[in-house]
Amino acid sequence: MIATVDCLNGSYPDIMEPILLSSTNEQSPPVDLRTALLKGQAPDRGLYLPQCFPQLTPDELAGFAGKSYPEIAFDILRRYTSGILDDATLFDLCRDAYNFDVPLEPVYDRVQVMRLDRGPTASFKDFAARMMARWLGRFVREAGQTLTILTATSGDTGSAVASAFHGVDGIRVLVLFPRAEVSDRQRKQMTTLRGNIRTIAMDGKFDDCQGLAKRAFADPALAHMALSSANSINIGRLLPQSVYYFYAASRLAQPGEPIVFSVPSGNFGDMMGAIIASRMGLPIKRLVVPVNGNDEFPNFLATGDYHKIEPSRNCPSNAMNVGHPSNLARLISLYGGRMDEVGEIHRAPDMAAMQRDLFSTSVSDEATRAAIRQAWADHKLLLEPHGAVGWRGFQDYLECAPLAGSPAVVLETAHPAKFPEEIERTLGFSPQVPPVLSALDPLSEDFDSMGLDYSAFASYLQANYGR
């Protein structure tokens, strides 16, 4: 079971000292949550992590069974926002952000699928993006400043961020997406918005988009722009994503009972939400971390040798087409190591502990489609490619470690209707389209196009956001 790290007694309603966050590159001074959110990436190009994690007591965890999702979100997030937001404000923000269902779908025995696709963009990214938009909107308003959010997306991040920040005063959003690797509906969720939202179709991969964004954050010539990120390099993405692990456990596990989660993973932000939950005291028996054909992490976990996939491999689970997950730096840091922003390991993590806590496997395109067919044929469980990677990875885990009665949750991270062509080819029918997606069909798109030259990208930023 994943070990916890004690820090503070976060018993509600006691007042807590603010938690500071440090950079994974260990060369920047610690900051509070407000500063980490506004900066996105640390000045030394590392990623912010809490210096310690507030601990929930067994009684607090047991009490979540009687609370709604917004109430659980408030109880978790207030432990990080102490000194930054008052409790009444945070509670209102949680209630406003999480005004949609979070269904757990029974499959067999004590295995369930948590559908994180009921938000406004039908993706799990809504959970983090909506809270980030509310936090940052408030901070920018209080400071009377303007902030530019620069975000790379491999599929769902861009649409969730664009939707969450659309119309937020004082915040401008620029989304970079790989032209050939997002679905039509994913693209239209970004490119049909106007006002403070702009998008660029890039002639490259997600890793290329992410590399341009990271370089811009560290470019002294762009420092006057007040750039920040809504990618999972921003700690504001990870903290809200820890909440649904507590929620799922409260609905399925008995008090104190360890639970297995299977989290389909690309840039590893979603997986890090589970790690944060475990460090706060949630009993996780094993964290299953399946990836698609971009198999750098399972190879690293098995051997201790890390090699990026360059260029990243294009798979049906397009939001996971990541050849170098940024959040590996955070994971390695929490296991005692240090990885820099380009993937070089300067201090090895505790590989034995990682192998004990995590199970990872690579799921091929063929196995992804087979998992969609098998889940539907055996359980009438409708999965899209990302959820199918999570399902197949869970099956691979069961071959090595039977559940023996333990509860388990597989995450479905996007609505199947975002990938109608893939479902049609695999199952022979099209999934029912929810209103949040069907409303996109008549809308017109507007986006820019660009190659991968950084000087051209920097000039674009200066021209459009330099004032």
Protein backbone atom coordinates (compact mmCIF):
# COMPACT_ATOMS: atom_id res chain seq x y z
CA MET A 1 0.00 0.00 0.00
CA ILE A 2 1.29 3.51 -0.83
CA ALA A 3 2.88 5.13 2.19
CA THR A 4 1.70 8.48 3.54
CA VAL A 5 3.86 11.44 4.51
CA ASP A 6 2.81 13.30 7.64
CA CYS A 7 2.79 17.07 7.68
CA LEU A 8 -0.09 18.81 9.39
CA ASN A 9 -3.16 17.79 11.28
CA GLY A 10 -5.78 19.13 8.93
CA SER A 11 -8.77 18.51 11.18
CA TYR A 12 -11.65 20.75 10.21
CA PRO A 13 -12.42 23.43 11.40
CA ASP A 14 -8.97 24.17 12.90
CA ILE A 15 -6.99 27.01 11.32
CA MET A 16 -3.88 25.74 9.56
CA GLU A 17 -0.60 27.35 8.60
CA PRO A 18 -0.25 27.84 4.85
CA ILE A 19 1.55 25.04 3.03
CA LEU A 20 4.57 26.10 1.00
CA LEU A 21 5.53 24.58 -2.34
CA SER A 22 9.03 23.87 -3.65
CA SER A 23 10.41 23.25 -7.13
CA THR A 24 11.38 19.77 -8.29
CA ASN A 25 14.61 21.30 -9.63
CA GLU A 26 15.43 22.43 -6.08
CA GLN A 27 16.89 25.79 -7.21
CA SER A 28 13.96 28.17 -6.54
CA PRO A 29 12.69 29.48 -3.19
CA PRO A 30 9.47 28.01 -1.78
CA VAL A 31 6.23 29.88 -2.48
CA ASP A 32 2.63 29.84 -1.33
CA LEU A 33 -0.18 28.36 -3.41
CA ARG A 34 -1.26 31.70 -4.88
CA THR A 35 2.23 32.35 -6.25
CA ALA A 36 2.57 28.78 -7.56
CA LEU A 37 -0.76 29.04 -9.36
CA LEU A 38 0.10 32.36 -10.96
CA LYS A 39 3.59 31.28 -12.02
CA GLY A 40 2.69 27.80 -13.26
CA GLN A 41 6.31 26.72 -13.76
CA ALA A 42 9.00 27.55 -11.18
CA PRO A 43 11.75 30.01 -12.21
CA ASP A 44 14.30 27.18 -12.30
CA ARG A 45 12.04 25.36 -14.83
CA GLY A 46 10.98 22.83 -12.23
CA LEU A 47 7.46 22.00 -11.11
CA TYR A 48 5.95 22.99 -7.79
CA LEU A 49 5.10 20.37 -5.16
CA PRO A 50 3.81 20.82 -1.59
CA GLN A 51 6.68 20.54 0.86
CA CYS A 52 4.46 18.20 2.88
CA PHE A 53 0.93 16.83 2.72
CA PRO A 54 -1.82 17.43 5.27
CA GLN A 55 -3.03 14.20 6.82
CA LEU A 56 -6.67 13.16 7.02
CA THR A 57 -7.69 11.09 10.00
CA PRO A 58 -9.57 7.79 9.58
CA ASP A 59 -12.68 9.46 11.00
CA GLU A 60 -12.46 12.27 8.43
CA LEU A 61 -12.10 9.78 5.60
CA ALA A 62 -15.05 7.76 6.89
CA GLY A 63 -17.13 10.93 7.09
CA PHE A 64 -16.83 11.51 3.34
CA ALA A 65 -19.41 8.75 2.78
CA GLY A 66 -22.14 11.15 3.88
CA LYS A 67 -20.92 14.17 1.90
CA SER A 68 -21.55 15.41 -1.63
CA TYR A 69 -18.77 15.89 -4.18
CA PRO A 70 -18.53 19.69 -3.62
CA GLU A 71 -18.37 19.13 0.15
CA ILE A 72 -15.55 16.61 -0.20
CA ALA A 73 -13.72 18.97 -2.58
CA PHE A 74 -14.00 21.74 0.01
CA ASP A 75 -12.69 19.52 2.81
CA ILE A 76 -9.66 18.48 0.74
CA LEU A 77 -8.76 21.77 -0.94
CA ARG A 78 -9.13 23.99 2.15
CA ARG A 79 -6.05 22.29 3.55
CA TYR A 80 -4.03 23.91 0.76
CA THR A 81 -5.84 27.25 0.49
CA SER A 82 -5.52 28.20 4.17
CA GLY A 83 -4.20 31.76 4.27
CA ILE A 84 -5.03 32.19 0.58
CA LEU A 85 -8.84 31.91 0.48
CA ASP A 86 -11.31 32.02 3.34
CA ASP A 87 -13.43 28.91 3.84
CA ALA A 88 -16.73 30.55 2.87
CA THR A 89 -15.30 31.67 -0.47
CA LEU A 90 -13.75 28.29 -1.20
CA PHE A 91 -16.98 26.48 -0.40
CA ASP A 92 -18.90 28.70 -2.82
CA LEU A 93 -16.28 28.06 -5.51
CA CYS A 94 -16.50 24.28 -5.03
CA ARG A 95 -20.27 24.33 -5.19
CA ASP A 96 -20.17 26.44 -8.36
CA ALA A 97 -17.43 24.38 -10.07
CA TYR A 98 -18.87 20.94 -9.38
CA ASN A 99 -22.48 21.25 -10.44
CA PHE A 100 -22.56 17.99 -12.42
CA ASP A 101 -22.76 14.28 -11.63
CA VAL A 102 -19.79 12.01 -10.93
CA PRO A 103 -21.29 8.54 -11.56
CA LEU A 104 -19.72 5.26 -10.48
CA GLU A 105 -20.90 2.47 -12.77
CA PRO A 106 -20.87 -1.07 -11.31
CA VAL A 107 -19.29 -3.63 -13.66
CA TYR A 108 -18.85 -6.83 -11.66
CA ASP A 109 -18.16 -7.82 -8.04
CA ARG A 110 -16.61 -4.72 -6.44
CA VAL A 111 -15.19 -3.33 -9.67
CA GLN A 112 -16.63 -0.03 -10.89
CA VAL A 113 -15.91 2.54 -13.58
CA MET A 114 -15.87 6.18 -12.50
CA ARG A 115 -17.17 8.33 -15.34
CA LEU A 116 -15.45 11.70 -15.24
CA ASP A 117 -17.15 12.84 -18.43
CA ARG A 118 -20.25 14.71 -17.25
CA GLY A 119 -18.78 18.21 -17.08
CA PRO A 120 -19.20 20.96 -19.69
CA THR A 121 -16.52 19.55 -22.04
CA ALA A 122 -17.22 15.85 -21.28
CA SER A 123 -13.70 15.24 -19.94
CA PHE A 124 -12.00 14.67 -16.59
CA LYS A 125 -10.03 17.84 -17.26
CA ASP A 126 -13.14 19.83 -16.27
CA PHE A 127 -12.56 18.96 -12.62
CA ALA A 128 -9.25 20.80 -12.48
CA ALA A 129 -9.83 23.49 -15.10
CA ARG A 130 -13.03 24.80 -13.52
CA MET A 131 -11.44 25.15 -10.09
CA MET A 132 -8.29 26.70 -11.53
CA ALA A 133 -10.33 29.26 -13.45
CA ARG A 134 -12.15 30.26 -10.28
CA TRP A 135 -8.98 30.48 -8.22
CA LEU A 136 -6.99 32.42 -10.81
CA GLY A 137 -9.89 34.66 -11.76
CA ARG A 138 -10.22 35.72 -8.15
CA PHE A 139 -6.46 36.25 -7.64
CA VAL A 140 -6.14 38.31 -10.83
CA ARG A 141 -9.15 40.39 -9.90
CA GLU A 142 -7.78 41.07 -6.41
CA ALA A 143 -4.40 42.09 -7.83
CA GLY A 144 -5.86 44.20 -10.64
CA GLN A 145 -3.57 42.53 -13.17
CA THR A 146 -3.78 40.68 -16.48
CA LEU A 147 -2.65 37.07 -16.83
CA THR A 148 -1.98 35.11 -20.02
CA ILE A 149 -2.58 31.36 -19.78
CA LEU A 150 -0.42 29.43 -22.25
CA THR A 151 -1.49 25.80 -22.56
CA ALA A 152 -0.45 22.86 -24.72
CA THR A 153 -2.98 20.11 -25.27
CA SER A 154 -2.96 16.58 -26.60
CA GLY A 155 -6.76 16.55 -26.73
CA ASP A 156 -8.92 17.35 -23.72
CA THR A 157 -6.88 19.86 -21.71
CA GLY A 158 -7.31 22.62 -24.27
CA SER A 159 -11.07 22.28 -24.50
CA ALA A 160 -11.52 22.12 -20.72
CA VAL A 161 -9.25 25.11 -20.13
CA ALA A 162 -10.85 27.14 -22.91
CA SER A 163 -14.32 26.43 -21.56
CA ALA A 164 -13.41 27.11 -17.93
CA PHE A 165 -11.60 30.40 -18.60
CA HIS A 166 -13.92 31.69 -21.33
CA GLY A 167 -15.10 35.15 -20.34
CA VAL A 168 -13.01 35.35 -17.15
CA ASP A 169 -11.98 38.99 -16.73
CA GLY A 170 -8.27 39.71 -16.70
CA ILE A 171 -7.25 36.33 -18.15
CA ARG A 172 -6.31 35.60 -21.77
CA VAL A 173 -5.86 32.02 -22.95
CA LEU A 174 -3.74 30.67 -25.80
CA VAL A 175 -4.00 26.94 -26.56
CA LEU A 176 -1.49 25.04 -28.72
CA PHE A 177 -2.67 21.75 -30.20
CA PRO A 178 -1.13 19.21 -32.63
CA ARG A 179 -3.07 19.69 -35.85
CA ALA A 180 -3.26 16.02 -36.82
CA GLU A 181 -3.81 14.42 -33.41
CA VAL A 182 -7.04 15.75 -31.92
CA SER A 183 -10.52 14.54 -32.76
CA ASP A 184 -12.94 16.83 -34.58
CA ARG A 185 -15.04 17.39 -31.48
CA GLN A 186 -12.00 18.01 -29.28
CA ARG A 187 -10.82 20.63 -31.76
CA LYS A 188 -14.21 22.33 -32.07
CA GLN A 189 -14.49 22.65 -28.31
CA MET A 190 -11.49 24.98 -28.49
CA THR A 191 -11.77 26.67 -31.85
CA THR A 192 -15.41 27.75 -31.66
CA LEU A 193 -14.83 30.02 -28.68
CA ARG A 194 -13.97 33.68 -29.14
CA GLY A 195 -13.23 36.65 -26.89
CA ASN A 196 -10.33 35.89 -24.54
CA ILE A 197 -9.62 32.46 -26.13
CA ARG A 198 -7.19 31.90 -29.02
CA THR A 199 -5.92 28.63 -30.47
CA ILE A 200 -3.02 27.61 -32.71
CA ALA A 201 -2.84 24.40 -34.74
CA MET A 202 0.79 23.31 -34.58
CA ASP A 203 2.57 21.22 -37.20
CA GLY A 204 3.95 18.75 -34.68
CA LYS A 205 3.27 16.58 -31.66
CA PHE A 206 1.99 17.39 -28.18
CA ASP A 207 5.54 17.23 -26.86
CA ASP A 208 6.49 19.91 -29.39
CA CYS A 209 3.64 22.12 -28.19
CA GLN A 210 4.57 21.54 -24.57
CA GLY A 211 8.23 22.26 -25.32
CA LEU A 212 7.38 25.63 -26.90
CA ALA A 213 5.23 26.57 -23.91
CA LYS A 214 7.90 25.62 -21.38
CA ARG A 215 10.54 27.57 -23.30
CA ALA A 216 8.29 30.64 -23.35
CA PHE A 217 7.77 30.47 -19.58
CA ALA A 218 11.54 30.58 -19.04
CA ASP A 219 12.27 33.24 -21.72
CA PRO A 220 13.43 36.51 -20.08
CA ALA A 221 12.30 38.41 -23.16
CA LEU A 222 8.69 37.42 -22.39
CA ALA A 223 8.79 38.01 -18.64
CA HIS A 224 6.69 41.17 -18.93
CA MET A 225 3.71 39.17 -20.22
CA ALA A 226 2.83 37.48 -16.90
CA LEU A 227 2.57 34.04 -18.51
CA SER A 228 1.15 31.09 -16.61
CA SER A 229 0.04 27.56 -17.42
CA ALA A 230 -3.14 25.53 -17.10
CA ASN A 231 -1.36 22.33 -18.12
CA SER A 232 -0.69 19.81 -15.42
CA ILE A 233 2.69 21.45 -14.94
CA ASN A 234 0.61 23.85 -12.80
CA ILE A 235 -0.02 22.45 -9.32
CA GLY A 236 -3.50 23.96 -9.55
CA ARG A 237 -4.38 21.14 -11.92
CA LEU A 238 -3.30 18.35 -9.60
CA LEU A 239 -4.85 19.36 -6.28
CA PRO A 240 -8.46 19.37 -7.57
CA GLN A 241 -7.83 16.07 -9.36
CA SER A 242 -6.99 14.40 -6.05
CA VAL A 243 -10.59 14.89 -4.90
CA TYR A 244 -12.33 12.27 -7.02
CA TYR A 245 -10.15 9.52 -5.60
CA PHE A 246 -11.44 10.35 -2.13
CA TYR A 247 -14.97 10.52 -3.54
CA ALA A 248 -14.75 7.11 -5.23
CA ALA A 249 -13.31 5.44 -2.13
CA SER A 250 -16.03 6.96 0.04
CA ARG A 251 -18.69 5.34 -2.17
CA LEU A 252 -17.08 1.93 -2.62
CA ALA A 253 -14.58 1.05 0.12
CA GLN A 254 -15.22 0.37 3.77
CA PRO A 255 -13.51 2.73 6.24
CA GLY A 256 -9.78 2.02 6.19
CA GLU A 257 -10.06 -0.50 3.35
CA PRO A 258 -7.38 -0.16 0.63
CA ILE A 259 -8.63 0.33 -2.93
CA VAL A 260 -7.11 -0.23 -6.37
CA PHE A 261 -7.31 2.53 -8.99
CA SER A 262 -6.50 2.17 -12.69
CA VAL A 263 -5.67 5.53 -14.24
CA PRO A 264 -5.01 5.77 -18.01
CA SER A 265 -2.02 8.09 -18.21
CA GLY A 266 -0.33 10.44 -20.66
CA ASN A 267 1.25 13.51 -19.05
CA PHE A 268 0.67 11.86 -15.64
CA GLY A 269 -1.28 14.70 -14.04
CA ASP A 270 -4.29 12.48 -13.33
CA MET A 271 -2.06 9.81 -11.82
CA MET A 272 -0.39 12.44 -9.64
CA GLY A 273 -3.80 13.35 -8.25
CA ALA A 274 -4.00 9.78 -6.92
CA ILE A 275 -0.48 10.02 -5.49
CA ILE A 276 -1.43 13.23 -3.68
CA ALA A 277 -4.56 11.55 -2.29
CA SER A 278 -2.48 8.64 -1.04
CA ARG A 279 0.07 10.96 0.57
CA MET A 280 -2.82 12.63 2.40
CA GLY A 281 -3.89 9.32 3.89
CA LEU A 282 -6.24 7.66 1.38
CA PRO A 283 -5.51 3.89 1.55
CA ILE A 284 -4.56 2.88 -2.00
CA LYS A 285 -3.61 -0.78 -2.35
CA ARG A 286 -2.01 -0.36 -5.78
CA LEU A 287 -2.07 2.33 -8.40
CA VAL A 288 -2.34 0.90 -11.92
CA VAL A 289 -0.80 3.29 -14.48
CA PRO A 290 -1.47 1.99 -18.01
CA VAL A 291 -0.18 3.96 -21.00
CA ASN A 292 -0.73 3.58 -24.73
CA GLY A 293 2.07 2.86 -27.20
CA ASN A 294 4.18 5.60 -25.62
CA ASP A 295 5.80 3.14 -23.23
CA GLU A 296 8.61 5.19 -21.66
CA PHE A 297 7.18 4.87 -18.15
CA PRO A 298 6.54 1.11 -17.88
CA ASN A 299 10.03 0.57 -19.30
CA PHE A 300 11.47 2.94 -16.70
CA LEU A 301 9.52 1.30 -13.87
CA ALA A 302 10.80 -2.12 -14.92
CA THR A 303 14.45 -1.20 -15.50
CA GLY A 304 15.24 2.11 -13.80
CA ASP A 305 16.48 3.47 -17.14
CA TYR A 306 14.51 6.39 -18.58
CA HIS A 307 14.34 7.08 -22.31
CA LYS A 308 11.94 9.56 -23.88
CA ILE A 309 9.87 8.57 -26.92
CA GLU A 310 10.83 11.06 -29.63
CA PRO A 311 8.66 11.72 -31.51
CA SER A 312 5.70 10.49 -29.50
CA ARG A 313 3.65 7.72 -31.06
CA ASN A 314 0.21 8.51 -32.43
CA CYS A 315 -2.43 6.22 -30.87
CA PRO A 316 -6.26 6.16 -30.74
CA SER A 317 -6.06 7.44 -27.15
CA ASN A 318 -4.71 10.71 -28.51
CA ALA A 319 -4.76 12.69 -25.26
CA MET A 320 -2.13 10.24 -23.97
CA ASN A 321 0.29 10.65 -26.89
CA VAL A 322 3.09 11.93 -24.67
CA GLY A 323 6.69 10.82 -25.12
CA HIS A 324 7.98 12.59 -22.02
CA PRO A 325 5.41 13.17 -19.25
CA SER A 326 6.15 16.40 -17.38
CA ASN A 327 4.76 15.03 -14.13
CA LEU A 328 7.38 12.31 -13.94
CA ALA A 329 9.57 14.97 -12.34
CA ARG A 330 7.03 15.27 -9.53
CA LEU A 331 6.63 11.51 -9.14
CA ILE A 332 10.39 10.96 -9.00
CA SER A 333 10.75 13.81 -6.49
CA LEU A 334 8.20 12.23 -4.15
CA TYR A 335 10.23 9.02 -4.25
CA GLY A 336 13.44 10.80 -3.32
CA GLY A 337 14.92 11.44 -6.77
CA ARG A 338 15.36 14.41 -9.06
CA MET A 339 14.53 14.66 -12.76
CA ASP A 340 14.97 17.92 -14.64
CA GLU A 341 12.62 19.44 -17.18
CA VAL A 342 14.21 17.65 -20.15
CA GLY A 343 14.00 14.21 -18.55
CA GLU A 344 17.55 13.78 -17.23
CA ILE A 345 17.66 12.00 -13.87
CA HIS A 346 20.19 13.66 -11.53
CA ARG A 347 19.30 11.58 -8.46
CA ALA A 348 17.69 8.17 -8.70
CA PRO A 349 14.37 7.64 -6.93
CA ASP A 350 13.58 4.69 -4.67
CA MET A 351 12.76 2.27 -7.47
CA ALA A 352 11.82 -0.55 -5.09
CA ALA A 353 9.17 1.64 -3.46
CA MET A 354 7.83 2.78 -6.84
CA GLN A 355 7.59 -0.80 -8.06
CA ARG A 356 5.79 -1.76 -4.86
CA ASP A 357 3.24 1.04 -5.16
CA LEU A 358 2.74 1.28 -8.93
CA PHE A 359 1.93 -1.15 -11.73
CA SER A 360 2.31 0.01 -15.31
CA THR A 361 1.78 -1.59 -18.69
CA SER A 362 1.70 -0.43 -22.30
CA VAL A 363 -1.52 -1.07 -24.23
CA SER A 364 -1.20 -1.37 -28.01
CA ASP A 365 -3.71 0.09 -30.47
CA GLU A 366 -4.98 -3.41 -31.21
CA ALA A 367 -5.38 -4.18 -27.51
CA THR A 368 -7.16 -0.85 -26.99
CA ARG A 369 -9.79 -1.71 -29.59
CA ALA A 370 -10.06 -5.26 -28.28
CA ALA A 371 -10.73 -3.84 -24.81
CA ILE A 372 -13.55 -1.69 -26.18
CA ARG A 373 -15.10 -4.77 -27.78
CA GLN A 374 -14.60 -6.98 -24.73
CA ALA A 375 -16.02 -4.48 -22.24
CA TRP A 376 -19.12 -4.03 -24.40
CA ALA A 377 -19.64 -7.72 -25.14
CA ASP A 378 -19.09 -8.93 -21.57
CA HIS A 379 -20.55 -6.09 -19.50
CA LYS A 380 -22.35 -3.66 -21.85
CA LEU A 381 -19.70 -1.21 -20.66
CA LEU A 382 -19.14 1.51 -23.27
CA LEU A 383 -15.56 2.82 -23.26
CA GLU A 384 -13.69 5.23 -25.48
CA PRO A 385 -9.98 4.68 -26.27
CA HIS A 386 -8.57 6.29 -23.10
CA GLY A 387 -10.91 4.41 -20.80
CA ALA A 388 -10.16 1.26 -22.79
CA VAL A 389 -6.44 1.68 -22.01
CA GLY A 390 -7.38 1.96 -18.35
CA TRP A 391 -9.59 -1.14 -18.57
CA ARG A 392 -7.01 -3.27 -20.37
CA GLY A 393 -4.28 -2.13 -17.99
CA PHE A 394 -6.49 -3.20 -15.09
CA GLN A 395 -6.92 -6.64 -16.69
CA ASP A 396 -3.15 -6.91 -17.05
CA TYR A 397 -2.79 -6.07 -13.35
CA LEU A 398 -5.29 -8.77 -12.37
CA GLU A 399 -3.17 -11.38 -14.13
CA CYS A 400 -0.34 -10.53 -11.73
CA ALA A 401 -2.25 -9.66 -8.55
CA PRO A 402 -5.87 -10.88 -8.10
CA LEU A 403 -8.11 -8.47 -6.22
CA ALA A 404 -9.05 -11.02 -3.54
CA GLY A 405 -12.20 -9.08 -2.76
CA SER A 406 -10.68 -5.60 -2.75
CA PRO A 407 -12.64 -2.73 -4.31
CA ALA A 408 -11.31 -1.33 -7.58
CA VAL A 409 -12.10 1.68 -9.76
CA VAL A 410 -11.14 2.20 -13.41
CA LEU A 411 -11.25 5.80 -14.61
CA GLU A 412 -13.12 6.67 -17.80
CA THR A 413 -11.70 10.06 -18.63
CA ALA A 414 -13.72 11.23 -21.64
CA HIS A 415 -17.16 10.71 -23.13
CA PRO A 416 -17.29 8.09 -25.91
CA ALA A 417 -19.12 10.58 -28.13
CA LYS A 418 -15.89 12.58 -28.43
CA PHE A 419 -14.57 9.69 -30.54
CA PRO A 420 -17.55 8.60 -32.66
CA GLU A 421 -15.48 7.33 -35.59
CA GLU A 422 -13.45 5.03 -33.35
CA ILE A 423 -16.56 3.66 -31.61
CA GLU A 424 -18.31 3.17 -34.95
CA ARG A 425 -15.35 1.28 -36.42
CA THR A 426 -14.91 -0.88 -33.33
CA LEU A 427 -18.49 -1.59 -32.21
CA GLY A 428 -20.57 -0.85 -35.30
CA PHE A 429 -22.69 1.92 -33.80
CA SER A 430 -22.28 5.55 -32.81
CA PRO A 431 -22.53 6.55 -29.16
CA GLN A 432 -25.33 8.82 -28.02
CA VAL A 433 -24.15 12.42 -28.14
CA PRO A 434 -24.72 14.55 -25.02
CA PRO A 435 -26.02 18.12 -25.48
CA VAL A 436 -22.65 19.67 -24.55
CA LEU A 437 -21.16 18.03 -27.65
CA SER A 438 -24.06 18.17 -30.12
CA ALA A 439 -24.25 21.94 -29.59
CA LEU A 440 -20.84 22.22 -31.29
CA ASP A 441 -21.98 20.88 -34.66
CA PRO A 442 -23.33 24.12 -36.21
CA LEU A 443 -20.60 26.38 -34.83
CA SER A 444 -17.85 27.87 -36.98
CA GLU A 445 -14.17 27.52 -36.14
CA ASP A 446 -11.43 30.11 -35.94
CA PHE A 447 -7.78 29.27 -35.24
CA ASP A 448 -4.27 30.17 -36.31
CA SER A 449 -1.63 27.82 -37.74
CA MET A 450 2.09 27.68 -37.09
CA GLY A 451 5.22 25.58 -37.44
CA LEU A 452 7.60 24.71 -34.62
CA ASP A 453 10.12 27.54 -34.90
CA TYR A 454 10.45 29.11 -31.43
CA SER A 455 11.44 32.57 -32.68
CA ALA A 456 8.25 32.72 -34.77
CA PHE A 457 6.22 31.60 -31.77
CA ALA A 458 7.85 34.18 -29.50
CA SER A 459 7.12 36.89 -32.08
CA TYR A 460 3.48 35.75 -32.17
CA LEU A 461 3.29 36.10 -28.39
CA GLN A 462 4.89 39.54 -28.47
CA ALA A 463 2.51 40.73 -31.17
CA ASN A 464 -0.67 39.42 -29.56
CA TYR A 465 0.05 39.47 -25.81
CA GLY A 466 2.97 41.86 -25.38
CA ARG A 467 0.81 44.80 -24.45
